[in-house]
Amino acid sequence: QGATTNINQVHMHDRNVLSCVYYAQA
């Protein structure tokens, strides 16, 4: 029930080629 205004708003990871995300708990 976390806020929608947190660290995961729309963004990109500039100055990189690939991004990965691993879900350890979901």
mmCIF file of all heavy atoms, coordinates in Angstrom:
data_MODEL
# 
_entry.id   MODEL 
# 
loop_
_atom_site.group_PDB 
_atom_site.id 
_atom_site.type_symbol 
_atom_site.label_atom_id 
_atom_site.label_alt_id 
_atom_site.label_comp_id 
_atom_site.label_asym_id 
_atom_site.label_entity_id 
_atom_site.label_seq_id 
_atom_site.pdbx_PDB_ins_code 
_atom_site.Cartn_x 
_atom_site.Cartn_y 
_atom_site.Cartn_z 
_atom_site.occupancy 
_atom_site.B_iso_or_equiv 
_atom_site.pdbx_formal_charge 
_atom_site.auth_seq_id 
_atom_site.auth_comp_id 
_atom_site.auth_asym_id 
_atom_site.auth_atom_id 
_atom_site.pdbx_PDB_model_num 
ATOM 1   N N   . GLN A 1 1  ? 0.829  -1.212  0.000   1.00 0.00 ? 1  GLN A N   1 
ATOM 2   C CA  . GLN A 1 1  ? 0.000  0.000   0.000   1.00 0.00 ? 1  GLN A CA  1 
ATOM 3   C C   . GLN A 1 1  ? 0.860  1.256   0.000   1.00 0.00 ? 1  GLN A C   1 
ATOM 4   O O   . GLN A 1 1  ? 0.490  2.288   0.546   1.00 0.00 ? 1  GLN A O   1 
ATOM 5   C CB  . GLN A 1 1  ? -0.955 0.007   1.213   1.00 0.00 ? 1  GLN A CB  1 
ATOM 6   C CG  . GLN A 1 1  ? -1.806 -1.228  1.344   1.00 0.00 ? 1  GLN A CG  1 
ATOM 7   C CD  . GLN A 1 1  ? -2.643 -1.518  0.098   1.00 0.00 ? 1  GLN A CD  1 
ATOM 8   O OE1 . GLN A 1 1  ? -3.233 -0.615  -0.471  1.00 0.00 ? 1  GLN A OE1 1 
ATOM 9   N NE2 . GLN A 1 1  ? -2.692 -2.764  -0.319  1.00 0.00 ? 1  GLN A NE2 1 
ATOM 10  N N   . GLY A 1 2  ? 2.025  1.147   -0.626  1.00 0.00 ? 2  GLY A N   1 
ATOM 11  C CA  . GLY A 1 2  ? 2.971  2.263   -0.669  1.00 0.00 ? 2  GLY A CA  1 
ATOM 12  C C   . GLY A 1 2  ? 2.477  3.400   -1.541  1.00 0.00 ? 2  GLY A C   1 
ATOM 13  O O   . GLY A 1 2  ? 1.607  3.246   -2.385  1.00 0.00 ? 2  GLY A O   1 
ATOM 14  N N   . ALA A 1 3  ? 3.084  4.552   -1.342  1.00 0.00 ? 3  ALA A N   1 
ATOM 15  C CA  . ALA A 1 3  ? 2.705  5.751   -2.090  1.00 0.00 ? 3  ALA A CA  1 
ATOM 16  C C   . ALA A 1 3  ? 3.030  5.588   -3.575  1.00 0.00 ? 3  ALA A C   1 
ATOM 17  O O   . ALA A 1 3  ? 3.959  4.885   -3.940  1.00 0.00 ? 3  ALA A O   1 
ATOM 18  C CB  . ALA A 1 3  ? 3.445  6.959   -1.518  1.00 0.00 ? 3  ALA A CB  1 
ATOM 19  N N   . THR A 1 4  ? 2.276  6.259   -4.402  1.00 0.00 ? 4  THR A N   1 
ATOM 20  C CA  . THR A 1 4  ? 2.552  6.235   -5.843  1.00 0.00 ? 4  THR A CA  1 
ATOM 21  C C   . THR A 1 4  ? 3.572  7.299   -6.219  1.00 0.00 ? 4  THR A C   1 
ATOM 22  O O   . THR A 1 4  ? 4.005  7.369   -7.359  1.00 0.00 ? 4  THR A O   1 
ATOM 23  C CB  . THR A 1 4  ? 1.262  6.457   -6.654  1.00 0.00 ? 4  THR A CB  1 
ATOM 24  O OG1 . THR A 1 4  ? 0.685  7.697   -6.250  1.00 0.00 ? 4  THR A OG1 1 
ATOM 25  C CG2 . THR A 1 4  ? 0.280  5.329   -6.426  1.00 0.00 ? 4  THR A CG2 1 
ATOM 26  N N   . THR A 1 5  ? 3.949  8.128   -5.283  1.00 0.00 ? 5  THR A N   1 
ATOM 27  C CA  . THR A 1 5  ? 4.899  9.207   -5.557  1.00 0.00 ? 5  THR A CA  1 
ATOM 28  C C   . THR A 1 5  ? 6.305  8.826   -5.095  1.00 0.00 ? 5  THR A C   1 
ATOM 29  O O   . THR A 1 5  ? 7.097  9.682   -4.731  1.00 0.00 ? 5  THR A O   1 
ATOM 30  C CB  . THR A 1 5  ? 4.469  10.489  -4.826  1.00 0.00 ? 5  THR A CB  1 
ATOM 31  O OG1 . THR A 1 5  ? 4.368  10.203  -3.421  1.00 0.00 ? 5  THR A OG1 1 
ATOM 32  C CG2 . THR A 1 5  ? 3.147  10.991  -5.347  1.00 0.00 ? 5  THR A CG2 1 
ATOM 33  N N   . ASN A 1 6  ? 6.614  7.556   -5.104  1.00 0.00 ? 6  ASN A N   1 
ATOM 34  C CA  . ASN A 1 6  ? 7.908  7.137   -4.566  1.00 0.00 ? 6  ASN A CA  1 
ATOM 35  C C   . ASN A 1 6  ? 8.971  7.029   -5.653  1.00 0.00 ? 6  ASN A C   1 
ATOM 36  O O   . ASN A 1 6  ? 8.880  7.634   -6.702  1.00 0.00 ? 6  ASN A O   1 
ATOM 37  C CB  . ASN A 1 6  ? 7.761  5.842   -3.756  1.00 0.00 ? 6  ASN A CB  1 
ATOM 38  C CG  . ASN A 1 6  ? 7.333  4.668   -4.615  1.00 0.00 ? 6  ASN A CG  1 
ATOM 39  O OD1 . ASN A 1 6  ? 7.377  4.737   -5.831  1.00 0.00 ? 6  ASN A OD1 1 
ATOM 40  N ND2 . ASN A 1 6  ? 6.922  3.597   -3.991  1.00 0.00 ? 6  ASN A ND2 1 
ATOM 41  N N   . ILE A 1 7  ? 9.954  6.205   -5.406  1.00 0.00 ? 7  ILE A N   1 
ATOM 42  C CA  . ILE A 1 7  ? 11.168 6.113   -6.220  1.00 0.00 ? 7  ILE A CA  1 
ATOM 43  C C   . ILE A 1 7  ? 10.956 5.472   -7.581  1.00 0.00 ? 7  ILE A C   1 
ATOM 44  O O   . ILE A 1 7  ? 11.892 5.396   -8.364  1.00 0.00 ? 7  ILE A O   1 
ATOM 45  C CB  . ILE A 1 7  ? 12.241 5.316   -5.447  1.00 0.00 ? 7  ILE A CB  1 
ATOM 46  C CG1 . ILE A 1 7  ? 11.681 3.969   -4.994  1.00 0.00 ? 7  ILE A CG1 1 
ATOM 47  C CG2 . ILE A 1 7  ? 12.749 6.127   -4.282  1.00 0.00 ? 7  ILE A CG2 1 
ATOM 48  C CD1 . ILE A 1 7  ? 12.633 3.105   -4.212  1.00 0.00 ? 7  ILE A CD1 1 
ATOM 49  N N   . ASN A 1 8  ? 9.756  5.028   -7.893  1.00 0.00 ? 8  ASN A N   1 
ATOM 50  C CA  . ASN A 1 8  ? 9.548  4.276   -9.121  1.00 0.00 ? 8  ASN A CA  1 
ATOM 51  C C   . ASN A 1 8  ? 8.682  5.002   -10.145 1.00 0.00 ? 8  ASN A C   1 
ATOM 52  O O   . ASN A 1 8  ? 7.995  4.379   -10.937 1.00 0.00 ? 8  ASN A O   1 
ATOM 53  C CB  . ASN A 1 8  ? 8.947  2.908   -8.795  1.00 0.00 ? 8  ASN A CB  1 
ATOM 54  C CG  . ASN A 1 8  ? 9.878  2.106   -7.920  1.00 0.00 ? 8  ASN A CG  1 
ATOM 55  O OD1 . ASN A 1 8  ? 11.009 1.861   -8.262  1.00 0.00 ? 8  ASN A OD1 1 
ATOM 56  N ND2 . ASN A 1 8  ? 9.400  1.730   -6.753  1.00 0.00 ? 8  ASN A ND2 1 
ATOM 57  N N   . GLN A 1 9  ? 8.705  6.324   -10.142 1.00 0.00 ? 9  GLN A N   1 
ATOM 58  C CA  . GLN A 1 9  ? 7.967  7.079   -11.148 1.00 0.00 ? 9  GLN A CA  1 
ATOM 59  C C   . GLN A 1 9  ? 8.626  6.872   -12.511 1.00 0.00 ? 9  GLN A C   1 
ATOM 60  O O   . GLN A 1 9  ? 9.713  6.308   -12.612 1.00 0.00 ? 9  GLN A O   1 
ATOM 61  C CB  . GLN A 1 9  ? 7.939  8.552   -10.773 1.00 0.00 ? 9  GLN A CB  1 
ATOM 62  C CG  . GLN A 1 9  ? 7.104  8.827   -9.532  1.00 0.00 ? 9  GLN A CG  1 
ATOM 63  C CD  . GLN A 1 9  ? 7.096  10.300  -9.178  1.00 0.00 ? 9  GLN A CD  1 
ATOM 64  O OE1 . GLN A 1 9  ? 8.073  11.006  -9.372  1.00 0.00 ? 9  GLN A OE1 1 
ATOM 65  N NE2 . GLN A 1 9  ? 5.975  10.766  -8.661  1.00 0.00 ? 9  GLN A NE2 1 
ATOM 66  N N   . VAL A 1 10 ? 7.982  7.351   -13.573 1.00 0.00 ? 10 VAL A N   1 
ATOM 67  C CA  . VAL A 1 10 ? 8.503  7.158   -14.931 1.00 0.00 ? 10 VAL A CA  1 
ATOM 68  C C   . VAL A 1 10 ? 9.904  7.759   -15.036 1.00 0.00 ? 10 VAL A C   1 
ATOM 69  O O   . VAL A 1 10 ? 10.131 8.913   -14.681 1.00 0.00 ? 10 VAL A O   1 
ATOM 70  C CB  . VAL A 1 10 ? 7.568  7.797   -15.979 1.00 0.00 ? 10 VAL A CB  1 
ATOM 71  C CG1 . VAL A 1 10 ? 8.167  7.676   -17.373 1.00 0.00 ? 10 VAL A CG1 1 
ATOM 72  C CG2 . VAL A 1 10 ? 6.191  7.145   -15.934 1.00 0.00 ? 10 VAL A CG2 1 
ATOM 73  N N   . HIS A 1 11 ? 10.821 6.932   -15.517 1.00 0.00 ? 11 HIS A N   1 
ATOM 74  C CA  . HIS A 1 11 ? 12.216 7.350   -15.651 1.00 0.00 ? 11 HIS A CA  1 
ATOM 75  C C   . HIS A 1 11 ? 12.920 6.439   -16.652 1.00 0.00 ? 11 HIS A C   1 
ATOM 76  O O   . HIS A 1 11 ? 12.346 5.456   -17.115 1.00 0.00 ? 11 HIS A O   1 
ATOM 77  C CB  . HIS A 1 11 ? 12.937 7.302   -14.297 1.00 0.00 ? 11 HIS A CB  1 
ATOM 78  C CG  . HIS A 1 11 ? 13.032 5.916   -13.723 1.00 0.00 ? 11 HIS A CG  1 
ATOM 79  N ND1 . HIS A 1 11 ? 11.957 5.250   -13.169 1.00 0.00 ? 11 HIS A ND1 1 
ATOM 80  C CD2 . HIS A 1 11 ? 14.085 5.050   -13.645 1.00 0.00 ? 11 HIS A CD2 1 
ATOM 81  C CE1 . HIS A 1 11 ? 12.331 4.047   -12.765 1.00 0.00 ? 11 HIS A CE1 1 
ATOM 82  N NE2 . HIS A 1 11 ? 13.628 3.899   -13.049 1.00 0.00 ? 11 HIS A NE2 1 
ATOM 83  N N   . MET A 1 12 ? 14.153 6.752   -16.980 1.00 0.00 ? 12 MET A N   1 
ATOM 84  C CA  . MET A 1 12 ? 14.993 5.883   -17.785 1.00 0.00 ? 12 MET A CA  1 
ATOM 85  C C   . MET A 1 12 ? 16.381 5.872   -17.169 1.00 0.00 ? 12 MET A C   1 
ATOM 86  O O   . MET A 1 12 ? 16.664 6.652   -16.257 1.00 0.00 ? 12 MET A O   1 
ATOM 87  C CB  . MET A 1 12 ? 15.052 6.335   -19.242 1.00 0.00 ? 12 MET A CB  1 
ATOM 88  C CG  . MET A 1 12 ? 15.692 7.676   -19.454 1.00 0.00 ? 12 MET A CG  1 
ATOM 89  S SD  . MET A 1 12 ? 15.683 8.106   -21.186 1.00 0.00 ? 12 MET A SD  1 
ATOM 90  C CE  . MET A 1 12 ? 17.405 8.348   -21.467 1.00 0.00 ? 12 MET A CE  1 
ATOM 91  N N   . HIS A 1 13 ? 17.226 4.985   -17.613 1.00 0.00 ? 13 HIS A N   1 
ATOM 92  C CA  . HIS A 1 13 ? 18.576 4.865   -17.065 1.00 0.00 ? 13 HIS A CA  1 
ATOM 93  C C   . HIS A 1 13 ? 19.571 5.311   -18.137 1.00 0.00 ? 13 HIS A C   1 
ATOM 94  O O   . HIS A 1 13 ? 20.180 4.486   -18.815 1.00 0.00 ? 13 HIS A O   1 
ATOM 95  C CB  . HIS A 1 13 ? 18.850 3.430   -16.632 1.00 0.00 ? 13 HIS A CB  1 
ATOM 96  C CG  . HIS A 1 13 ? 17.929 2.955   -15.551 1.00 0.00 ? 13 HIS A CG  1 
ATOM 97  N ND1 . HIS A 1 13 ? 18.012 1.705   -15.015 1.00 0.00 ? 13 HIS A ND1 1 
ATOM 98  C CD2 . HIS A 1 13 ? 16.911 3.562   -14.897 1.00 0.00 ? 13 HIS A CD2 1 
ATOM 99  C CE1 . HIS A 1 13 ? 17.078 1.548   -14.085 1.00 0.00 ? 13 HIS A CE1 1 
ATOM 100 N NE2 . HIS A 1 13 ? 16.396 2.672   -14.012 1.00 0.00 ? 13 HIS A NE2 1 
ATOM 101 N N   . ASP A 1 14 ? 19.689 6.616   -18.280 1.00 0.00 ? 14 ASP A N   1 
ATOM 102 C CA  . ASP A 1 14 ? 20.547 7.158   -19.334 1.00 0.00 ? 14 ASP A CA  1 
ATOM 103 C C   . ASP A 1 14 ? 22.017 6.815   -19.079 1.00 0.00 ? 14 ASP A C   1 
ATOM 104 O O   . ASP A 1 14 ? 22.409 6.468   -17.982 1.00 0.00 ? 14 ASP A O   1 
ATOM 105 C CB  . ASP A 1 14 ? 20.354 8.667   -19.473 1.00 0.00 ? 14 ASP A CB  1 
ATOM 106 C CG  . ASP A 1 14 ? 20.653 9.427   -18.203 1.00 0.00 ? 14 ASP A CG  1 
ATOM 107 O OD1 . ASP A 1 14 ? 20.462 8.866   -17.114 1.00 0.00 ? 14 ASP A OD1 1 
ATOM 108 O OD2 . ASP A 1 14 ? 21.075 10.587  -18.293 1.00 0.00 ? 14 ASP A OD2 1 
ATOM 109 N N   . ARG A 1 15 ? 22.789 6.903   -20.150 1.00 0.00 ? 15 ARG A N   1 
ATOM 110 C CA  . ARG A 1 15 ? 24.222 6.582   -20.141 1.00 0.00 ? 15 ARG A CA  1 
ATOM 111 C C   . ARG A 1 15 ? 24.486 5.114   -19.800 1.00 0.00 ? 15 ARG A C   1 
ATOM 112 O O   . ARG A 1 15 ? 25.504 4.763   -19.214 1.00 0.00 ? 15 ARG A O   1 
ATOM 113 C CB  . ARG A 1 15 ? 25.003 7.519   -19.219 1.00 0.00 ? 15 ARG A CB  1 
ATOM 114 C CG  . ARG A 1 15 ? 24.972 8.964   -19.701 1.00 0.00 ? 15 ARG A CG  1 
ATOM 115 C CD  . ARG A 1 15 ? 25.811 9.873   -18.863 1.00 0.00 ? 15 ARG A CD  1 
ATOM 116 N NE  . ARG A 1 15 ? 25.377 10.001  -17.494 1.00 0.00 ? 15 ARG A NE  1 
ATOM 117 C CZ  . ARG A 1 15 ? 24.414 10.808  -17.069 1.00 0.00 ? 15 ARG A CZ  1 
ATOM 118 N NH1 . ARG A 1 15 ? 23.778 11.577  -17.924 1.00 0.00 ? 15 ARG A NH1 1 
ATOM 119 N NH2 . ARG A 1 15 ? 24.095 10.874  -15.809 1.00 0.00 ? 15 ARG A NH2 1 
ATOM 120 N N   . ASN A 1 16 ? 23.540 4.255   -20.162 1.00 0.00 ? 16 ASN A N   1 
ATOM 121 C CA  . ASN A 1 16 ? 23.678 2.803   -20.023 1.00 0.00 ? 16 ASN A CA  1 
ATOM 122 C C   . ASN A 1 16 ? 23.123 2.159   -21.285 1.00 0.00 ? 16 ASN A C   1 
ATOM 123 O O   . ASN A 1 16 ? 22.397 2.792   -22.049 1.00 0.00 ? 16 ASN A O   1 
ATOM 124 C CB  . ASN A 1 16 ? 22.922 2.302   -18.792 1.00 0.00 ? 16 ASN A CB  1 
ATOM 125 C CG  . ASN A 1 16 ? 23.518 2.834   -17.511 1.00 0.00 ? 16 ASN A CG  1 
ATOM 126 O OD1 . ASN A 1 16 ? 24.594 2.440   -17.106 1.00 0.00 ? 16 ASN A OD1 1 
ATOM 127 N ND2 . ASN A 1 16 ? 22.825 3.779   -16.887 1.00 0.00 ? 16 ASN A ND2 1 
ATOM 128 N N   . VAL A 1 17 ? 23.445 0.879   -21.473 1.00 0.00 ? 17 VAL A N   1 
ATOM 129 C CA  . VAL A 1 17 ? 22.967 0.150   -22.645 1.00 0.00 ? 17 VAL A CA  1 
ATOM 130 C C   . VAL A 1 17 ? 21.793 -0.755  -22.274 1.00 0.00 ? 17 VAL A C   1 
ATOM 131 O O   . VAL A 1 17 ? 20.763 -0.765  -22.938 1.00 0.00 ? 17 VAL A O   1 
ATOM 132 C CB  . VAL A 1 17 ? 24.107 -0.683  -23.277 1.00 0.00 ? 17 VAL A CB  1 
ATOM 133 C CG1 . VAL A 1 17 ? 23.589 -1.505  -24.447 1.00 0.00 ? 17 VAL A CG1 1 
ATOM 134 C CG2 . VAL A 1 17 ? 25.243 0.221   -23.719 1.00 0.00 ? 17 VAL A CG2 1 
ATOM 135 N N   . LEU A 1 18 ? 21.949 -1.521  -21.196 1.00 0.00 ? 18 LEU A N   1 
ATOM 136 C CA  . LEU A 1 18 ? 20.919 -2.462  -20.759 1.00 0.00 ? 18 LEU A CA  1 
ATOM 137 C C   . LEU A 1 18 ? 20.566 -2.226  -19.296 1.00 0.00 ? 18 LEU A C   1 
ATOM 138 O O   . LEU A 1 18 ? 21.416 -1.845  -18.489 1.00 0.00 ? 18 LEU A O   1 
ATOM 139 C CB  . LEU A 1 18 ? 21.411 -3.905  -20.909 1.00 0.00 ? 18 LEU A CB  1 
ATOM 140 C CG  . LEU A 1 18 ? 21.632 -4.420  -22.325 1.00 0.00 ? 18 LEU A CG  1 
ATOM 141 C CD1 . LEU A 1 18 ? 22.272 -5.806  -22.285 1.00 0.00 ? 18 LEU A CD1 1 
ATOM 142 C CD2 . LEU A 1 18 ? 20.328 -4.457  -23.101 1.00 0.00 ? 18 LEU A CD2 1 
ATOM 143 N N   . SER A 1 19 ? 19.318 -2.490  -18.971 1.00 0.00 ? 19 SER A N   1 
ATOM 144 C CA  . SER A 1 19 ? 18.863 -2.472  -17.589 1.00 0.00 ? 19 SER A CA  1 
ATOM 145 C C   . SER A 1 19 ? 18.166 -3.788  -17.294 1.00 0.00 ? 19 SER A C   1 
ATOM 146 O O   . SER A 1 19 ? 17.492 -4.347  -18.157 1.00 0.00 ? 19 SER A O   1 
ATOM 147 C CB  . SER A 1 19 ? 17.902 -1.304  -17.343 1.00 0.00 ? 19 SER A CB  1 
ATOM 148 O OG  . SER A 1 19 ? 18.585 -0.075  -17.468 1.00 0.00 ? 19 SER A OG  1 
ATOM 149 N N   . CYS A 1 20 ? 18.364 -4.273  -16.083 1.00 0.00 ? 20 CYS A N   1 
ATOM 150 C CA  . CYS A 1 20 ? 17.737 -5.522  -15.651 1.00 0.00 ? 20 CYS A CA  1 
ATOM 151 C C   . CYS A 1 20 ? 17.084 -5.308  -14.297 1.00 0.00 ? 20 CYS A C   1 
ATOM 152 O O   . CYS A 1 20 ? 17.526 -4.478  -13.502 1.00 0.00 ? 20 CYS A O   1 
ATOM 153 C CB  . CYS A 1 20 ? 18.774 -6.637  -15.513 1.00 0.00 ? 20 CYS A CB  1 
ATOM 154 S SG  . CYS A 1 20 ? 19.556 -7.138  -17.051 1.00 0.00 ? 20 CYS A SG  1 
ATOM 155 N N   . VAL A 1 21 ? 16.044 -6.070  -14.047 1.00 0.00 ? 21 VAL A N   1 
ATOM 156 C CA  . VAL A 1 21 ? 15.431 -6.091  -12.727 1.00 0.00 ? 21 VAL A CA  1 
ATOM 157 C C   . VAL A 1 21 ? 15.149 -7.548  -12.369 1.00 0.00 ? 21 VAL A C   1 
ATOM 158 O O   . VAL A 1 21 ? 14.651 -8.316  -13.193 1.00 0.00 ? 21 VAL A O   1 
ATOM 159 C CB  . VAL A 1 21 ? 14.157 -5.215  -12.646 1.00 0.00 ? 21 VAL A CB  1 
ATOM 160 C CG1 . VAL A 1 21 ? 13.102 -5.683  -13.622 1.00 0.00 ? 21 VAL A CG1 1 
ATOM 161 C CG2 . VAL A 1 21 ? 13.605 -5.171  -11.241 1.00 0.00 ? 21 VAL A CG2 1 
ATOM 162 N N   . TYR A 1 22 ? 15.516 -7.894  -11.140 1.00 0.00 ? 22 TYR A N   1 
ATOM 163 C CA  . TYR A 1 22 ? 15.273 -9.246  -10.635 1.00 0.00 ? 22 TYR A CA  1 
ATOM 164 C C   . TYR A 1 22 ? 14.322 -9.133  -9.448  1.00 0.00 ? 22 TYR A C   1 
ATOM 165 O O   . TYR A 1 22 ? 14.532 -8.314  -8.544  1.00 0.00 ? 22 TYR A O   1 
ATOM 166 C CB  . TYR A 1 22 ? 16.581 -9.909  -10.192 1.00 0.00 ? 22 TYR A CB  1 
ATOM 167 C CG  . TYR A 1 22 ? 16.348 -11.261 -9.585  1.00 0.00 ? 22 TYR A CG  1 
ATOM 168 C CD1 . TYR A 1 22 ? 16.012 -12.344 -10.387 1.00 0.00 ? 22 TYR A CD1 1 
ATOM 169 C CD2 . TYR A 1 22 ? 16.412 -11.455 -8.201  1.00 0.00 ? 22 TYR A CD2 1 
ATOM 170 C CE1 . TYR A 1 22 ? 15.763 -13.589 -9.834  1.00 0.00 ? 22 TYR A CE1 1 
ATOM 171 C CE2 . TYR A 1 22 ? 16.159 -12.696 -7.644  1.00 0.00 ? 22 TYR A CE2 1 
ATOM 172 C CZ  . TYR A 1 22 ? 15.830 -13.761 -8.462  1.00 0.00 ? 22 TYR A CZ  1 
ATOM 173 O OH  . TYR A 1 22 ? 15.570 -14.996 -7.913  1.00 0.00 ? 22 TYR A OH  1 
ATOM 174 N N   . TYR A 1 23 ? 13.286 -9.965  -9.454  1.00 0.00 ? 23 TYR A N   1 
ATOM 175 C CA  . TYR A 1 23 ? 12.301 -9.942  -8.377  1.00 0.00 ? 23 TYR A CA  1 
ATOM 176 C C   . TYR A 1 23 ? 12.619 -11.039 -7.359  1.00 0.00 ? 23 TYR A C   1 
ATOM 177 O O   . TYR A 1 23 ? 12.421 -12.222 -7.628  1.00 0.00 ? 23 TYR A O   1 
ATOM 178 C CB  . TYR A 1 23 ? 10.885 -10.115 -8.942  1.00 0.00 ? 23 TYR A CB  1 
ATOM 179 C CG  . TYR A 1 23 ? 10.479 -8.943  -9.788  1.00 0.00 ? 23 TYR A CG  1 
ATOM 180 C CD1 . TYR A 1 23 ? 10.552 -8.993  -11.176 1.00 0.00 ? 23 TYR A CD1 1 
ATOM 181 C CD2 . TYR A 1 23 ? 10.066 -7.754  -9.193  1.00 0.00 ? 23 TYR A CD2 1 
ATOM 182 C CE1 . TYR A 1 23 ? 10.204 -7.900  -11.948 1.00 0.00 ? 23 TYR A CE1 1 
ATOM 183 C CE2 . TYR A 1 23 ? 9.714  -6.653  -9.962  1.00 0.00 ? 23 TYR A CE2 1 
ATOM 184 C CZ  . TYR A 1 23 ? 9.792  -6.737  -11.334 1.00 0.00 ? 23 TYR A CZ  1 
ATOM 185 O OH  . TYR A 1 23 ? 9.458  -5.649  -12.105 1.00 0.00 ? 23 TYR A OH  1 
ATOM 186 N N   . ALA A 1 24 ? 13.108 -10.623 -6.210  1.00 0.00 ? 24 ALA A N   1 
ATOM 187 C CA  . ALA A 1 24 ? 13.432 -11.566 -5.142  1.00 0.00 ? 24 ALA A CA  1 
ATOM 188 C C   . ALA A 1 24 ? 12.202 -11.897 -4.301  1.00 0.00 ? 24 ALA A C   1 
ATOM 189 O O   . ALA A 1 24 ? 12.128 -12.970 -3.698  1.00 0.00 ? 24 ALA A O   1 
ATOM 190 C CB  . ALA A 1 24 ? 14.532 -10.988 -4.246  1.00 0.00 ? 24 ALA A CB  1 
ATOM 191 N N   . GLN A 1 25 ? 11.249 -10.967 -4.257  1.00 0.00 ? 25 GLN A N   1 
ATOM 192 C CA  . GLN A 1 25 ? 9.994  -11.197 -3.538  1.00 0.00 ? 25 GLN A CA  1 
ATOM 193 C C   . GLN A 1 25 ? 8.896  -10.417 -4.249  1.00 0.00 ? 25 GLN A C   1 
ATOM 194 O O   . GLN A 1 25 ? 8.966  -9.195  -4.348  1.00 0.00 ? 25 GLN A O   1 
ATOM 195 C CB  . GLN A 1 25 ? 10.126 -10.739 -2.086  1.00 0.00 ? 25 GLN A CB  1 
ATOM 196 C CG  . GLN A 1 25 ? 8.886  -10.978 -1.244  1.00 0.00 ? 25 GLN A CG  1 
ATOM 197 C CD  . GLN A 1 25 ? 9.159  -10.678 0.214   1.00 0.00 ? 25 GLN A CD  1 
ATOM 198 O OE1 . GLN A 1 25 ? 9.831  -11.455 0.890   1.00 0.00 ? 25 GLN A OE1 1 
ATOM 199 N NE2 . GLN A 1 25 ? 8.655  -9.564  0.705   1.00 0.00 ? 25 GLN A NE2 1 
ATOM 200 N N   . ALA A 1 26 ? 7.908  -11.132 -4.757  1.00 0.00 ? 26 ALA A N   1 
ATOM 201 C CA  . ALA A 1 26 ? 6.829  -10.489 -5.512  1.00 0.00 ? 26 ALA A CA  1 
ATOM 202 C C   . ALA A 1 26 ? 5.553  -11.307 -5.370  1.00 0.00 ? 26 ALA A C   1 
ATOM 203 O O   . ALA A 1 26 ? 5.541  -12.495 -5.652  1.00 0.00 ? 26 ALA A O   1 
ATOM 204 C CB  . ALA A 1 26 ? 7.219  -10.372 -6.987  1.00 0.00 ? 26 ALA A CB  1 
# 
